[in-house]
Each structure stands twice: as structure tokens, then as C-alpha cells.
Amino acid sequence: MPRRRAGAVTAHDGHAHAAAYLPVILALAGAAYLVAAARTGPRTWSRWRGAAFLTGLALTAAALTGPIQALAATDFRGHMLQHLLIGMLAPLCLVLGAPMTLLLRTLPAARARRLGTLLRGRLARALSHPVVALVLSVGGMVVLYCTPLYRHTTANEWLHTVVHVHFLLSGYLFAWVIAGPDPAPGRPSVPARLVVLGVAIAVHSGLSQLMYAGIGVDVPVPAEQLRGAAEIMYYGGDITELLLAVALAAGWRPRRSTRLGHAGQGQPRYAPRAAGWLIALRGRSPFRAARTSENTSWVRSTSDSSE
């Protein structure tokens, strides 16, 4: 890592100053979520979703303050742990909290309709395409470590902050598109999203192996730190992406079909091919909770807010 120049303010020095405001911002976000959840009533909003959202906020705070932030300032392994938390684990937890659905349920009907219209617009459709989310999330990591960008972030406070914000937002976007309970406009089929997730796993794996070998990356740190960070990326990324796959399987709402004259009319049937994908991921059928899934359409969410 480049040495500090005398009198220079590094990115980590700037983060230490900004860290004083971060807990307040995250606490306000958590309080707003809890107030909104309380307004919907305990019977209409899942406590599990609230716990997931608060865990995401806690992971974000842990990554950017305290011991992990101090380690990241001196050791590239701490930097990689920090990015694993804010770019993958924290976004997944925040997404599982379904904050947009909660917001739509608590807004006045007119505002909820306007927000729903915005979320169905062209920009939202473009951003919610799995390939776009993949490029922004995984592609950002490739650019950071395979170009001189990382060198610049070590000496530029604002650039390092922008990188952190990018990782958090792009990680949230990717988790939402792949497995978020908040509906996404034009969301493709489960097998298609699994393919995109598989590509992300392959890119993470390949980049971590290149980093371990010190090939194709532009990260000026000691070899032992580089190899340790590569291992964190490899194993930590695998665990997080497996959790994302499980969330995708558990939150999938299958198509319903009916058979005339059959006692089980109206019960869901699952396409054998798609079910095979998910059984391969989980080892058994995960669909017992499908009937109580909270995955609703934008129209349903908007109408709920008017009640």
C-alpha cells in the first residue's frame, strides 16, 4: 500500500472522521423502519423481516466503524472483510427486510401510487435487469482490483467513500433483483436468475484465484495480505452467494394451475424442471412456506397502503 505523504489526508483518515456520523444515520434508518412496521401492525408485518433489516444496518455499521475499520486502514485483509460485509452480506439482509413493500404499505394512497409508477418506469426496469445488476456489482469489484482505482482510493477520501457507497448500493440492487421479496418489474424466471447468480459465483471465484496468485490485479500490498484477502473473497463470497440462492428458492412463488373435477383444485403445482433446480440447491423441497410468501405485486402493495 502506498506510503502516506507528510501532511496528506488519506482515505482512511477521512473515514475515521465520517464514522462519527454513520451510527446516527443508521440508527435513524432503523428507527424509521420500526415505526413503519409498527404502523402496519404486528399481524401484518413479519418480525423476521424486521430482524433481517436491522441486522443489515448492524453489519454496515460494523464494517465501517470500530475494529474492522481500523484493520482495513492497515491491512488489505481487513479491507476485503469490510467489502464482503458492505457489498454482499449487509445488502442481502437489508433486501430481505423488504423495505420498499413496507414503505408502500405505510404511505398515503396517492403517494404510494406515484412511487409505484416510478418503480415500474423505464429506469427501474433497466436497473432491475439481472445483467445490469451483475455488471454493476461484480464488475465494480473487477474494476477496483484490476485497474489503478484501488491505488487512488488509498489516497483520496471522497473516492474511497464513493467506492463504499457503490458496493453497498450495487450489492443491494443485485440481491433485490435475484431474490428480493420486494417485487421487481419484469423479473425473469427463477432458472434465469440462477444462471446470473452462477455467473457471479464464477467471476468471484476467478478473481479471487487471480488475486491469490498475484496475476492481473493492481493491489500494492504484501503477498501474505493479498493471499489472505483472496481467501476471504473466495470463501466468504461462496457463503453469501449460497445464502442468496437459498433466499431465491425459499421466496419463489410458483405458478398456480387448476384441474377440473379434481379435489385439489387451485393448489399450486411446480414445474418439474424449475423444482429440480431448487432441490439441487437445497437438497429437499423448500416450498412448504410458499403459500404464505410475502412477495406481492406493486399493484397489491399500492392497494394495501390505502387501507
Protein backbone atom coordinates (compact mmCIF):
# COMPACT_ATOMS: atom_id res chain seq x y z
CA MET A 1 0.00 0.00 0.00
CA PRO A 2 1.42 3.45 -0.85
CA ARG A 3 3.07 5.33 1.98
CA ARG A 4 1.46 8.45 3.36
CA ARG A 5 2.92 11.78 2.36
CA ALA A 6 3.62 14.24 5.14
CA GLY A 7 0.57 16.35 5.85
CA ALA A 8 -1.63 14.32 3.48
CA VAL A 9 -5.11 13.21 4.49
CA THR A 10 -5.69 9.61 3.41
CA ALA A 11 -9.00 7.94 2.66
CA HIS A 12 -8.90 6.05 5.94
CA ASP A 13 -8.33 9.27 7.88
CA GLY A 14 -11.41 10.72 6.20
CA HIS A 15 -13.43 7.62 7.04
CA ALA A 16 -12.44 7.90 10.69
CA HIS A 17 -13.92 11.41 10.69
CA ALA A 18 -17.07 10.37 8.79
CA ALA A 19 -17.58 7.33 11.04
CA ALA A 20 -18.83 9.62 13.81
CA TYR A 21 -21.96 10.36 11.77
CA LEU A 22 -22.58 6.84 10.44
CA PRO A 23 -24.15 5.32 13.60
CA VAL A 24 -26.59 8.24 13.79
CA ILE A 25 -27.64 7.79 10.15
CA LEU A 26 -28.07 4.03 10.54
CA ALA A 27 -29.95 4.46 13.83
CA LEU A 28 -32.38 6.87 12.15
CA ALA A 29 -32.90 4.40 9.30
CA GLY A 30 -33.60 1.61 11.79
CA ALA A 31 -35.99 3.78 13.79
CA ALA A 32 -37.89 4.78 10.65
CA TYR A 33 -38.25 1.13 9.67
CA LEU A 34 -39.53 0.13 13.11
CA VAL A 35 -42.06 2.99 13.16
CA ALA A 36 -43.33 1.99 9.72
CA ALA A 37 -43.56 -1.67 10.76
CA ALA A 38 -45.47 -0.69 13.92
CA ARG A 39 -47.96 1.28 11.83
CA THR A 40 -48.78 -1.80 9.77
CA GLY A 41 -49.39 -3.85 12.92
CA PRO A 42 -47.61 -6.96 14.24
CA ARG A 43 -50.04 -9.27 12.46
CA THR A 44 -49.40 -7.81 9.01
CA TRP A 45 -45.64 -7.38 9.08
CA SER A 46 -43.13 -10.15 9.75
CA ARG A 47 -40.81 -9.72 12.73
CA TRP A 48 -38.32 -11.84 10.83
CA ARG A 49 -38.16 -9.22 8.09
CA GLY A 50 -37.60 -6.51 10.68
CA ALA A 51 -34.79 -8.51 12.25
CA ALA A 52 -33.18 -9.01 8.83
CA PHE A 53 -33.24 -5.29 8.05
CA LEU A 54 -31.79 -4.31 11.43
CA THR A 55 -29.09 -6.95 11.00
CA GLY A 56 -28.16 -5.39 7.67
CA LEU A 57 -27.80 -1.99 9.32
CA ALA A 58 -25.71 -3.52 12.11
CA LEU A 59 -23.39 -5.23 9.61
CA THR A 60 -22.95 -1.96 7.74
CA ALA A 61 -22.02 -0.18 10.97
CA ALA A 62 -19.64 -2.98 11.98
CA ALA A 63 -17.88 -2.84 8.61
CA LEU A 64 -17.32 0.92 8.59
CA THR A 65 -16.55 1.58 12.25
CA GLY A 66 -14.64 0.03 15.10
CA PRO A 67 -12.08 -2.80 14.80
CA ILE A 68 -12.86 -3.72 11.19
CA GLN A 69 -12.39 -0.14 10.01
CA ALA A 70 -9.14 0.11 11.99
CA LEU A 71 -7.90 -3.17 10.48
CA ALA A 72 -8.87 -2.08 6.98
CA ALA A 73 -6.72 1.04 7.40
CA THR A 74 -3.55 -1.04 7.80
CA ASP A 75 -4.22 -4.50 6.36
CA PHE A 76 -5.70 -5.46 2.99
CA ARG A 77 -7.37 -8.46 4.60
CA GLY A 78 -9.40 -6.07 6.73
CA HIS A 79 -10.28 -4.13 3.59
CA MET A 80 -11.60 -7.31 1.94
CA LEU A 81 -13.62 -8.25 5.02
CA GLN A 82 -15.07 -4.75 5.00
CA HIS A 83 -16.13 -5.04 1.37
CA LEU A 84 -17.57 -8.51 1.92
CA LEU A 85 -19.82 -7.09 4.63
CA ILE A 86 -20.95 -3.90 2.90
CA GLY A 87 -21.08 -5.35 -0.62
CA MET A 88 -22.72 -8.74 0.00
CA LEU A 89 -23.87 -9.70 3.50
CA ALA A 90 -25.36 -6.37 4.63
CA PRO A 91 -27.21 -5.78 1.30
CA LEU A 92 -28.72 -9.27 1.44
CA CYS A 93 -30.06 -8.67 4.95
CA LEU A 94 -31.40 -5.24 4.01
CA VAL A 95 -33.15 -6.67 0.95
CA LEU A 96 -34.76 -9.47 2.98
CA GLY A 97 -36.28 -6.77 5.17
CA ALA A 98 -38.50 -5.77 2.19
CA PRO A 99 -38.26 -2.01 2.93
CA MET A 100 -39.99 -0.94 -0.30
CA THR A 101 -43.06 -3.07 0.35
CA LEU A 102 -43.20 -1.66 3.88
CA LEU A 103 -42.93 1.88 2.55
CA LEU A 104 -45.72 1.30 0.03
CA ARG A 105 -47.98 -0.04 2.77
CA THR A 106 -47.46 2.97 5.04
CA LEU A 107 -47.58 5.81 2.51
CA PRO A 108 -50.86 7.57 1.75
CA ALA A 109 -52.60 6.02 -1.26
CA ALA A 110 -51.80 8.86 -3.68
CA ARG A 111 -48.09 8.88 -2.85
CA ALA A 112 -47.92 5.09 -2.96
CA ARG A 113 -49.39 5.14 -6.47
CA ARG A 114 -46.83 7.72 -7.61
CA LEU A 115 -44.00 5.69 -6.12
CA GLY A 116 -45.38 2.52 -7.71
CA THR A 117 -45.46 4.27 -11.09
CA LEU A 118 -41.84 5.33 -10.63
CA LEU A 119 -40.80 1.81 -9.72
CA ARG A 120 -42.44 0.50 -12.89
CA GLY A 121 -40.73 3.13 -15.06
CA ARG A 122 -38.01 2.67 -17.66
CA LEU A 123 -35.13 3.46 -15.32
CA ALA A 124 -36.31 0.94 -12.72
CA ARG A 125 -36.78 -1.69 -15.41
CA ALA A 126 -33.28 -1.06 -16.76
CA LEU A 127 -31.64 -1.21 -13.33
CA SER A 128 -33.61 -4.30 -12.32
CA HIS A 129 -32.37 -6.32 -15.27
CA PRO A 130 -30.17 -9.11 -13.84
CA VAL A 131 -27.33 -8.48 -16.30
CA VAL A 132 -27.21 -4.77 -15.39
CA ALA A 133 -27.18 -5.63 -11.69
CA LEU A 134 -24.46 -8.22 -12.31
CA VAL A 135 -22.23 -5.75 -14.15
CA LEU A 136 -22.64 -3.05 -11.52
CA SER A 137 -21.96 -5.42 -8.61
CA VAL A 138 -19.36 -7.92 -9.79
CA GLY A 139 -17.96 -5.66 -12.49
CA GLY A 140 -17.25 -2.97 -9.93
CA MET A 141 -15.08 -5.38 -7.98
CA VAL A 142 -13.13 -6.32 -11.10
CA VAL A 143 -12.54 -2.66 -11.93
CA LEU A 144 -11.44 -1.86 -8.37
CA TYR A 145 -8.80 -4.58 -8.14
CA CYS A 146 -7.67 -4.96 -11.76
CA THR A 147 -7.11 -1.28 -12.54
CA PRO A 148 -5.25 1.53 -10.70
CA LEU A 149 -8.52 2.51 -8.99
CA TYR A 150 -7.59 0.84 -5.69
CA ARG A 151 -4.32 2.81 -5.55
CA HIS A 152 -6.26 6.05 -5.91
CA THR A 153 -8.76 5.15 -3.21
CA THR A 154 -5.97 4.78 -0.65
CA ALA A 155 -5.10 8.45 -1.03
CA ASN A 156 -8.45 10.06 -1.87
CA GLU A 157 -11.09 10.28 0.84
CA TRP A 158 -14.02 11.08 -1.43
CA LEU A 159 -13.14 8.42 -3.98
CA HIS A 160 -12.94 5.78 -1.27
CA THR A 161 -16.32 6.89 0.07
CA VAL A 162 -17.82 6.68 -3.41
CA VAL A 163 -16.47 3.12 -3.77
CA HIS A 164 -18.07 2.11 -0.46
CA VAL A 165 -21.40 3.62 -1.47
CA HIS A 166 -21.19 1.88 -4.84
CA PHE A 167 -20.56 -1.50 -3.23
CA LEU A 168 -23.47 -1.09 -0.84
CA LEU A 169 -25.96 0.09 -3.48
CA SER A 170 -24.87 -2.33 -6.21
CA GLY A 171 -24.89 -5.20 -3.71
CA TYR A 172 -28.41 -4.23 -2.66
CA LEU A 173 -29.50 -3.99 -6.30
CA PHE A 174 -28.10 -7.43 -7.13
CA ALA A 175 -29.66 -9.11 -4.09
CA TRP A 176 -33.02 -7.43 -4.81
CA VAL A 177 -33.04 -8.48 -8.46
CA ILE A 178 -32.03 -12.07 -7.72
CA ALA A 179 -34.05 -12.88 -4.59
CA GLY A 180 -35.61 -9.78 -3.05
CA PRO A 181 -39.12 -10.07 -1.58
CA ASP A 182 -39.82 -6.58 -2.90
CA PRO A 183 -41.20 -7.17 -6.42
CA ALA A 184 -39.09 -6.07 -9.38
CA PRO A 185 -40.60 -5.02 -12.73
CA GLY A 186 -40.00 -7.55 -15.49
CA ARG A 187 -38.22 -10.00 -13.20
CA PRO A 188 -37.15 -13.08 -15.20
CA SER A 189 -37.75 -16.71 -14.28
CA VAL A 190 -36.05 -18.48 -11.40
CA PRO A 191 -33.76 -20.56 -13.69
CA ALA A 192 -32.66 -17.37 -15.49
CA ARG A 193 -31.78 -15.69 -12.21
CA LEU A 194 -29.91 -18.80 -11.10
CA VAL A 195 -27.81 -18.58 -14.26
CA VAL A 196 -26.93 -14.95 -13.47
CA LEU A 197 -26.08 -15.92 -9.91
CA GLY A 198 -23.87 -18.71 -11.27
CA VAL A 199 -22.00 -16.20 -13.41
CA ALA A 200 -21.43 -14.01 -10.35
CA ILE A 201 -20.06 -17.01 -8.44
CA ALA A 202 -17.72 -17.84 -11.32
CA VAL A 203 -16.40 -14.27 -11.55
CA HIS A 204 -15.83 -14.05 -7.79
CA SER A 205 -14.04 -17.38 -7.83
CA GLY A 206 -11.86 -16.48 -10.80
CA LEU A 207 -10.94 -13.05 -9.43
CA SER A 208 -10.06 -14.46 -6.01
CA GLN A 209 -7.79 -17.09 -7.59
CA LEU A 210 -6.06 -14.48 -9.73
CA MET A 211 -5.61 -12.34 -6.62
CA TYR A 212 -4.15 -15.28 -4.68
CA ALA A 213 -1.63 -15.83 -7.46
CA GLY A 214 -0.95 -12.10 -7.81
CA ILE A 215 -1.85 -12.19 -11.51
CA GLY A 216 -3.82 -9.45 -13.26
CA VAL A 217 -4.54 -7.39 -10.14
CA ASP A 218 -3.18 -3.97 -9.26
CA VAL A 219 -3.10 -4.07 -5.46
CA PRO A 220 0.26 -2.96 -3.99
CA VAL A 221 0.20 -4.86 -0.68
CA PRO A 222 2.41 -7.60 0.83
CA ALA A 223 1.90 -11.07 -0.65
CA GLU A 224 0.58 -12.60 2.57
CA GLN A 225 -2.11 -9.91 2.81
CA LEU A 226 -3.05 -10.39 -0.82
CA ARG A 227 -3.42 -14.16 -0.40
CA GLY A 228 -5.38 -13.77 2.83
CA ALA A 229 -7.75 -11.29 1.20
CA ALA A 230 -8.21 -13.65 -1.75
CA GLU A 231 -9.24 -16.42 0.64
CA ILE A 232 -11.76 -14.12 2.32
CA MET A 233 -13.21 -13.23 -1.08
CA TYR A 234 -13.35 -16.87 -2.16
CA TYR A 235 -14.89 -18.49 0.90
CA GLY A 236 -16.89 -15.51 2.13
CA GLY A 237 -18.32 -14.90 -1.32
CA ASP A 238 -19.34 -18.55 -1.64
CA ILE A 239 -21.18 -18.48 1.69
CA THR A 240 -23.02 -15.27 0.87
CA GLU A 241 -23.99 -16.41 -2.62
CA LEU A 242 -25.25 -19.70 -1.20
CA LEU A 243 -27.46 -17.72 1.20
CA LEU A 244 -28.69 -15.68 -1.75
CA ALA A 245 -29.56 -18.89 -3.62
CA VAL A 246 -31.44 -20.19 -0.58
CA ALA A 247 -33.34 -16.89 -0.35
CA LEU A 248 -34.23 -17.21 -4.02
CA ALA A 249 -35.50 -20.76 -3.52
CA ALA A 250 -37.43 -20.01 -0.33
CA GLY A 251 -39.09 -16.87 -1.68
CA TRP A 252 -40.15 -18.29 -5.02
CA ARG A 253 -43.89 -18.08 -5.68
CA PRO A 254 -44.78 -20.80 -8.19
CA ARG A 255 -47.46 -20.61 -10.81
CA ARG A 256 -50.89 -21.90 -9.89
CA SER A 257 -52.95 -24.15 -12.11
CA THR A 258 -56.27 -25.95 -11.73
CA ARG A 259 -57.68 -29.30 -12.74
CA LEU A 260 -61.42 -29.57 -13.36
CA GLY A 261 -63.09 -32.15 -11.22
CA HIS A 262 -60.01 -32.59 -9.01
CA ALA A 263 -60.31 -32.37 -5.23
CA GLY A 264 -57.17 -30.26 -5.02
CA GLN A 265 -58.43 -27.60 -7.40
CA GLY A 266 -56.50 -24.35 -7.10
CA GLN A 267 -53.48 -25.88 -5.36
CA PRO A 268 -50.05 -24.85 -6.69
CA ARG A 269 -48.15 -27.16 -8.98
CA TYR A 270 -44.45 -26.73 -9.61
CA ALA A 271 -42.77 -27.11 -12.97
CA PRO A 272 -40.53 -30.20 -12.68
CA ARG A 273 -37.51 -28.54 -14.29
CA ALA A 274 -37.58 -25.46 -12.01
CA ALA A 275 -38.21 -27.64 -8.97
CA GLY A 276 -35.15 -29.67 -9.91
CA TRP A 277 -33.01 -26.54 -9.87
CA LEU A 278 -34.13 -25.67 -6.36
CA ILE A 279 -33.96 -29.20 -4.96
CA ALA A 280 -30.39 -29.35 -6.22
CA LEU A 281 -29.63 -26.18 -4.27
CA ARG A 282 -31.36 -27.12 -1.04
CA GLY A 283 -31.24 -30.93 -1.14
CA ARG A 284 -35.01 -31.15 -0.49
CA SER A 285 -38.21 -29.39 -1.45
CA PRO A 286 -38.34 -25.94 0.21
CA PHE A 287 -41.82 -24.96 -0.82
CA ARG A 288 -43.91 -25.58 2.27
CA ALA A 289 -43.96 -21.87 3.11
CA ALA A 290 -44.76 -20.78 -0.43
CA ARG A 291 -48.43 -20.20 0.36
CA THR A 292 -47.55 -17.57 2.98
CA SER A 293 -44.95 -15.77 0.83
CA GLU A 294 -44.91 -12.01 1.26
CA ASN A 295 -43.87 -11.46 -2.34
CA THR A 296 -46.69 -9.26 -3.67
CA SER A 297 -47.15 -7.20 -6.83
CA TRP A 298 -46.68 -3.45 -6.98
CA VAL A 299 -50.42 -3.09 -7.53
CA ARG A 300 -51.24 -5.17 -4.43
CA SER A 301 -48.69 -3.22 -2.35
CA THR A 302 -50.19 0.04 -3.51
CA SER A 303 -53.71 -1.01 -2.71
CA ASP A 304 -52.68 -2.23 0.75
CA SER A 305 -51.34 1.23 1.54
CA SER A 306 -54.78 2.75 1.06
CA GLU A 307 -56.37 0.58 3.76
